[in-house]
Amino acid sequence: MPIAIKSKREGFRRCGIPHSIEERIYPDERFTPEELTRLQNEPMLTVRIIKEMPAGDPEQANPEQGEGVSVPQQKRGGKKR
């Protein structure tokens, strides 16, 4: 299953790639089991395993550059004051 990673600080590096404050999605085979454990245990990162792939193709990403598929932030609806 694909892996979604978001960093608390832009460019924070772990497992050889810089991570973004924007959530990025990587194919499940991108990280070894040991790397995935390291990522999940890193307090600077939020890592989640997703069951369904959002729009975008992680195969087109360049993992050597630390590029996954960005997931746009959703805007909250609400009344303006």
Protein backbone atom coordinates (compact mmCIF):
# COMPACT_ATOMS: atom_id res chain seq x y z
CA MET A 1 0.00 0.00 0.00
CA PRO A 2 1.21 3.54 -0.69
CA ILE A 3 2.91 5.53 2.06
CA ALA A 4 2.02 9.18 2.84
CA ILE A 5 4.69 11.27 4.56
CA LYS A 6 4.51 14.82 5.89
CA SER A 7 7.30 16.66 7.72
CA LYS A 8 7.04 19.22 10.51
CA ARG A 9 9.91 21.14 8.87
CA GLU A 10 10.42 21.67 5.12
CA GLY A 11 13.39 19.71 3.80
CA PHE A 12 13.87 17.53 6.89
CA ARG A 13 15.92 14.54 5.72
CA ARG A 14 15.40 10.94 6.70
CA CYS A 15 16.22 7.77 4.76
CA GLY A 16 18.20 9.74 2.20
CA ILE A 17 15.45 12.08 1.00
CA PRO A 18 14.19 15.52 2.02
CA HIS A 19 10.61 15.52 3.23
CA SER A 20 8.08 18.28 2.70
CA ILE A 21 5.55 19.99 4.93
CA GLU A 22 3.10 19.06 2.17
CA GLU A 23 2.04 15.44 2.36
CA ARG A 24 3.65 13.32 -0.35
CA ILE A 25 2.71 9.83 -1.40
CA TYR A 26 5.25 7.16 -2.27
CA PRO A 27 4.65 3.69 -3.71
CA ASP A 28 4.82 0.96 -1.10
CA GLU A 29 7.98 -0.55 -2.58
CA ARG A 30 9.86 2.78 -2.26
CA PHE A 31 11.06 2.04 1.30
CA THR A 32 12.48 -1.14 2.81
CA PRO A 33 10.73 -2.46 5.93
CA GLU A 34 13.64 -1.11 8.01
CA GLU A 35 13.35 2.35 6.42
CA LEU A 36 9.60 2.38 6.94
CA THR A 37 10.08 1.59 10.63
CA ARG A 38 12.67 4.38 10.90
CA LEU A 39 10.28 6.83 9.20
CA GLN A 40 7.36 5.83 11.42
CA ASN A 41 9.47 6.28 14.55
CA GLU A 42 10.74 9.73 13.54
CA PRO A 43 8.93 12.42 15.60
CA MET A 44 9.50 15.05 12.89
CA LEU A 45 7.43 13.04 10.40
CA THR A 46 3.83 11.97 10.11
CA VAL A 47 3.65 8.68 8.24
CA ARG A 48 0.49 6.88 7.25
CA ILE A 49 -0.20 3.87 5.12
CA ILE A 50 -3.08 4.54 2.76
CA LYS A 51 -5.44 1.97 1.35
CA GLU A 52 -6.61 3.89 -1.70
CA MET A 53 -4.41 5.90 -4.04
CA PRO A 54 -5.51 9.52 -4.68
CA ALA A 55 -5.28 11.08 -8.12
CA GLY A 56 -1.70 11.14 -9.40
CA ASP A 57 0.79 8.43 -10.21
CA PRO A 58 3.64 7.85 -7.75
CA GLU A 59 5.46 5.91 -10.45
CA GLN A 60 6.07 9.24 -12.20
CA ALA A 61 7.74 10.64 -9.09
CA ASN A 62 11.51 10.71 -8.78
CA PRO A 63 12.29 9.08 -5.42
CA GLU A 64 16.00 9.91 -5.73
CA GLN A 65 15.06 13.60 -5.62
CA GLY A 66 12.70 13.02 -2.72
CA GLU A 67 9.70 13.69 -4.88
CA GLY A 68 6.48 11.89 -4.22
CA VAL A 69 3.02 12.86 -5.33
CA SER A 70 1.89 15.99 -3.49
CA VAL A 71 -1.54 15.93 -1.96
CA PRO A 72 -3.06 19.43 -2.04
CA GLN A 73 -4.22 20.82 1.28
CA GLN A 74 -7.98 20.98 1.55
CA LYS A 75 -9.44 24.36 2.39
CA ARG A 76 -11.88 24.53 5.22
CA GLY A 77 -15.28 25.84 4.42
CA GLY A 78 -16.97 28.30 6.65
CA LYS A 79 -18.48 31.71 6.96
CA LYS A 80 -16.35 34.79 6.62
CA ARG A 81 -16.47 37.23 9.48
